[in-house]
Amino acid sequence: MFSLLIIIFPILLTDILNPVLMAGTVYTLGSKKPYINSFMILFGWFIIYFISGIILALGLEAITQFLANPRPIDFYIESVIAVLLIWLAIYMIRSQGGKRKSKDFGDTEVVTPGSAFGMGALINVVGLPFAIPYFAVLDQILKADFTWGPALTVLLIYNLLYILPFGVLVLIRRISGSKSEILFNKISEWMDKGSRVLMPVLLFGIAGVLLADAIMYFTTGKILL
């Protein structure tokens, strides 16, 4: 088990680069109940990722066979998704017209523990199809041919290590109190500016790949992805 953890640790470092979850954590830390809300957003993310890992592991072989034998309808759906992503990217660019003041840390709308949990779960559900490193980790666990006990233990450790850096943000806020507001203001400003540029680019990029895949299938019968 220890040797497997060494193998998947570099994958963890790649998977952990989740700016959306970081933004969500900082957002909840600026709410009126920062600690319970930040805990709930991380717990919402954690429980969905862990359960999804179990479900995906159980169905990984079926998923692989499905991807190896695509149907035309799959590429029609893929094309529709690509168009919707392009529309969303254009909408985001247009909605940013003019100068928009970045929200300061603490300028958070009303957040409840329930909504924070839902936010964490939603972040996970939306990002799961693109969590390629997670699929790689599941593949490594399956290759190790563990019994259910050790396999679930490795998966649990992986998920706990994933949320550890985000938990550190909560700890910093707890220890430093109001003194940490300068740091979190900087993080909020960086995330806000970064999302305005990166999100449309990422959406256009993903849409482009999906459209290229569909076009290749309909013109040559081959697949890109």
Protein backbone atom coordinates (compact mmCIF):
# COMPACT_ATOMS: atom_id res chain seq x y z
CA MET A 1 0.00 0.00 0.00
CA PHE A 2 2.83 2.41 0.87
CA SER A 3 4.46 1.89 -2.54
CA LEU A 4 1.15 2.68 -4.24
CA LEU A 5 0.81 5.90 -2.24
CA ILE A 6 4.27 6.92 -3.48
CA ILE A 7 3.15 6.29 -7.07
CA ILE A 8 -0.09 8.29 -6.80
CA PHE A 9 1.40 11.21 -4.85
CA PRO A 10 2.66 13.01 -8.01
CA ILE A 11 -0.80 12.52 -9.50
CA LEU A 12 -2.26 14.09 -6.36
CA LEU A 13 -0.09 17.18 -6.83
CA THR A 14 -1.53 17.59 -10.33
CA ASP A 15 -5.10 16.91 -9.26
CA ILE A 16 -4.91 19.29 -6.32
CA LEU A 17 -4.53 22.37 -8.55
CA ASN A 18 -8.20 23.22 -8.22
CA PRO A 19 -8.68 27.01 -8.36
CA VAL A 20 -12.48 26.64 -8.17
CA LEU A 21 -12.39 24.81 -4.84
CA MET A 22 -9.86 27.33 -3.52
CA ALA A 23 -12.09 30.20 -4.58
CA GLY A 24 -15.05 28.52 -2.90
CA THR A 25 -13.09 27.99 0.31
CA VAL A 26 -11.95 31.62 0.42
CA TYR A 27 -15.51 32.71 -0.36
CA THR A 28 -16.96 30.81 2.61
CA LEU A 29 -14.16 32.05 4.89
CA GLY A 30 -15.47 35.55 4.25
CA SER A 31 -19.00 34.64 5.41
CA LYS A 32 -20.54 35.31 8.80
CA LYS A 33 -19.91 31.70 9.88
CA PRO A 34 -16.54 31.16 8.24
CA TYR A 35 -15.42 27.95 9.94
CA ILE A 36 -18.58 25.85 9.72
CA ASN A 37 -19.23 27.07 6.16
CA SER A 38 -15.68 26.37 4.98
CA PHE A 39 -15.82 22.96 6.64
CA MET A 40 -19.11 22.17 4.89
CA ILE A 41 -17.89 23.20 1.43
CA LEU A 42 -14.84 20.97 1.84
CA PHE A 43 -16.96 18.15 3.25
CA GLY A 44 -19.43 18.49 0.37
CA TRP A 45 -16.58 18.25 -2.10
CA PHE A 46 -14.92 15.37 -0.20
CA ILE A 47 -17.97 13.13 0.16
CA ILE A 48 -18.93 13.43 -3.52
CA TYR A 49 -15.36 12.81 -4.72
CA PHE A 50 -14.95 9.78 -2.46
CA ILE A 51 -18.31 8.22 -3.38
CA SER A 52 -17.71 9.01 -7.07
CA GLY A 53 -14.35 7.25 -6.84
CA ILE A 54 -16.02 4.10 -5.54
CA ILE A 55 -18.73 4.20 -8.22
CA LEU A 56 -16.24 4.93 -11.00
CA ALA A 57 -13.96 2.13 -9.83
CA LEU A 58 -16.86 -0.32 -9.93
CA GLY A 59 -17.82 0.77 -13.43
CA LEU A 60 -14.41 1.63 -14.86
CA GLU A 61 -14.27 -1.43 -17.11
CA ALA A 62 -17.77 -0.75 -18.47
CA ILE A 63 -16.87 2.92 -19.00
CA THR A 64 -13.72 1.91 -20.89
CA GLN A 65 -15.70 -0.43 -23.15
CA PHE A 66 -18.29 2.28 -23.74
CA LEU A 67 -15.64 4.82 -24.73
CA ALA A 68 -14.00 2.24 -27.01
CA ASN A 69 -17.30 1.70 -28.87
CA PRO A 70 -18.87 5.16 -29.28
CA ARG A 71 -22.20 5.70 -31.03
CA PRO A 72 -23.22 8.60 -33.31
CA ILE A 73 -25.63 9.91 -30.68
CA ASP A 74 -22.68 10.38 -28.31
CA PHE A 75 -21.07 12.80 -30.75
CA TYR A 76 -24.31 14.70 -31.36
CA ILE A 77 -24.51 15.21 -27.59
CA GLU A 78 -20.82 16.16 -27.54
CA SER A 79 -21.46 18.80 -30.23
CA VAL A 80 -24.39 20.28 -28.30
CA ILE A 81 -22.27 20.47 -25.14
CA ALA A 82 -19.48 22.19 -27.10
CA VAL A 83 -21.92 24.80 -28.45
CA LEU A 84 -23.28 25.43 -24.95
CA LEU A 85 -19.74 25.88 -23.63
CA ILE A 86 -18.99 28.40 -26.38
CA TRP A 87 -22.20 30.27 -25.55
CA LEU A 88 -21.25 30.31 -21.86
CA ALA A 89 -17.75 31.63 -22.65
CA ILE A 90 -19.18 34.42 -24.83
CA TYR A 91 -21.74 35.26 -22.16
CA MET A 92 -19.00 35.51 -19.53
CA ILE A 93 -16.93 37.83 -21.74
CA ARG A 94 -19.90 40.09 -22.49
CA SER A 95 -21.00 40.19 -18.85
CA GLN A 96 -17.56 41.53 -17.96
CA GLY A 97 -18.02 44.56 -20.16
CA GLY A 98 -16.82 47.70 -18.45
CA LYS A 99 -14.83 47.79 -15.27
CA ARG A 100 -16.03 45.66 -12.43
CA LYS A 101 -14.87 46.18 -8.89
CA SER A 102 -13.43 43.04 -7.34
CA LYS A 103 -15.17 41.94 -4.20
CA ASP A 104 -13.17 42.35 -1.04
CA PHE A 105 -12.77 39.46 1.32
CA GLY A 106 -15.83 39.46 3.56
CA ASP A 107 -18.17 40.96 0.93
CA THR A 108 -19.92 37.61 0.88
CA GLU A 109 -23.63 37.14 0.40
CA VAL A 110 -25.54 35.09 2.98
CA VAL A 111 -24.08 31.60 3.10
CA THR A 112 -25.53 28.78 5.20
CA PRO A 113 -23.86 25.46 6.06
CA GLY A 114 -26.37 23.76 3.75
CA SER A 115 -25.63 26.02 0.80
CA ALA A 116 -21.89 25.69 1.45
CA PHE A 117 -22.22 21.87 1.36
CA GLY A 118 -24.20 22.13 -1.88
CA MET A 119 -21.57 24.45 -3.34
CA GLY A 120 -18.79 21.96 -2.59
CA ALA A 121 -20.80 19.08 -4.04
CA LEU A 122 -21.66 21.09 -7.18
CA ILE A 123 -18.03 22.08 -7.73
CA ASN A 124 -17.16 18.40 -7.68
CA VAL A 125 -19.98 17.20 -9.92
CA VAL A 126 -19.24 19.83 -12.58
CA GLY A 127 -15.50 19.15 -12.57
CA LEU A 128 -15.62 15.35 -12.29
CA PRO A 129 -15.76 14.60 -16.05
CA PHE A 130 -12.47 16.48 -16.46
CA ALA A 131 -10.75 14.96 -13.42
CA ILE A 132 -8.32 12.93 -15.52
CA PRO A 133 -5.78 12.55 -12.66
CA TYR A 134 -8.49 10.96 -10.52
CA PHE A 135 -9.18 8.39 -13.21
CA ALA A 136 -5.44 7.65 -13.28
CA VAL A 137 -5.45 7.12 -9.50
CA LEU A 138 -8.41 4.75 -9.72
CA ASP A 139 -6.63 2.84 -12.47
CA GLN A 140 -3.53 2.46 -10.27
CA ILE A 141 -5.65 1.23 -7.35
CA LEU A 142 -7.37 -1.34 -9.56
CA LYS A 143 -4.04 -2.49 -10.99
CA ALA A 144 -2.76 -3.09 -7.46
CA ASP A 145 -5.48 -5.76 -7.13
CA PHE A 146 -6.20 -4.96 -3.50
CA THR A 147 -9.09 -6.34 -1.52
CA TRP A 148 -11.84 -3.81 -0.75
CA GLY A 149 -10.39 -2.79 2.61
CA PRO A 150 -6.95 -1.60 1.45
CA ALA A 151 -8.41 -0.15 -1.78
CA LEU A 152 -10.90 2.02 0.11
CA THR A 153 -8.17 3.02 2.57
CA VAL A 154 -5.92 4.28 -0.24
CA LEU A 155 -8.84 6.13 -1.82
CA LEU A 156 -9.75 7.68 1.53
CA ILE A 157 -6.16 8.79 2.19
CA TYR A 158 -5.97 10.31 -1.31
CA ASN A 159 -9.14 12.34 -0.75
CA LEU A 160 -8.04 13.49 2.71
CA LEU A 161 -4.67 14.61 1.35
CA TYR A 162 -6.48 16.46 -1.41
CA ILE A 163 -8.42 18.72 0.95
CA LEU A 164 -5.44 19.22 3.28
CA PRO A 165 -4.09 22.40 1.57
CA PHE A 166 -7.57 23.93 1.59
CA GLY A 167 -7.87 23.04 5.27
CA VAL A 168 -4.64 24.97 5.83
CA LEU A 169 -6.42 28.11 4.59
CA VAL A 170 -9.09 27.56 7.24
CA LEU A 171 -6.38 27.08 9.88
CA ILE A 172 -4.63 30.31 8.84
CA ARG A 173 -7.92 32.17 9.12
CA ARG A 174 -8.56 30.63 12.55
CA ILE A 175 -5.13 31.41 13.97
CA SER A 176 -4.60 34.85 12.44
CA GLY A 177 -8.18 36.12 12.61
CA SER A 178 -8.59 39.62 11.17
CA LYS A 179 -4.84 39.83 10.49
CA SER A 180 -5.30 37.30 7.67
CA GLU A 181 -7.76 39.53 5.80
CA ILE A 182 -4.95 41.14 3.78
CA LEU A 183 -3.83 37.70 2.59
CA PHE A 184 -7.35 36.58 1.71
CA ASN A 185 -8.06 39.90 0.00
CA LYS A 186 -5.06 39.24 -2.23
CA ILE A 187 -6.23 35.68 -2.92
CA SER A 188 -9.78 36.90 -3.70
CA GLU A 189 -8.43 39.58 -6.05
CA TRP A 190 -6.14 37.11 -7.80
CA MET A 191 -8.92 34.52 -8.17
CA ASP A 192 -11.38 37.14 -9.45
CA LYS A 193 -9.00 38.51 -12.08
CA GLY A 194 -7.79 35.06 -13.03
CA SER A 195 -11.29 33.66 -13.47
CA ARG A 196 -12.27 36.49 -15.82
CA VAL A 197 -9.45 35.54 -18.18
CA LEU A 198 -8.95 31.82 -17.59
CA MET A 199 -12.56 30.62 -17.48
CA PRO A 200 -13.54 31.79 -21.01
CA VAL A 201 -10.23 30.47 -22.36
CA LEU A 202 -10.76 27.09 -20.72
CA LEU A 203 -14.37 26.92 -21.93
CA PHE A 204 -13.33 27.77 -25.51
CA GLY A 205 -10.51 25.21 -25.29
CA ILE A 206 -12.73 22.40 -24.03
CA ALA A 207 -15.41 23.25 -26.60
CA GLY A 208 -12.81 23.25 -29.39
CA VAL A 209 -11.55 19.80 -28.44
CA LEU A 210 -15.09 18.40 -28.22
CA LEU A 211 -16.04 19.86 -31.61
CA ALA A 212 -12.83 18.57 -33.20
CA ASP A 213 -13.59 15.11 -31.81
CA ALA A 214 -17.14 15.14 -33.20
CA ILE A 215 -16.03 16.48 -36.61
CA MET A 216 -13.31 13.83 -36.87
CA TYR A 217 -15.82 11.09 -36.07
CA PHE A 218 -18.41 12.26 -38.62
CA THR A 219 -15.81 12.84 -41.38
CA THR A 220 -13.37 9.94 -40.85
CA GLY A 221 -15.04 7.54 -38.43
CA LYS A 222 -12.11 7.94 -36.06
CA ILE A 223 -12.09 9.62 -32.65
CA LEU A 224 -9.75 12.20 -31.20
CA LEU A 225 -10.44 11.60 -27.50
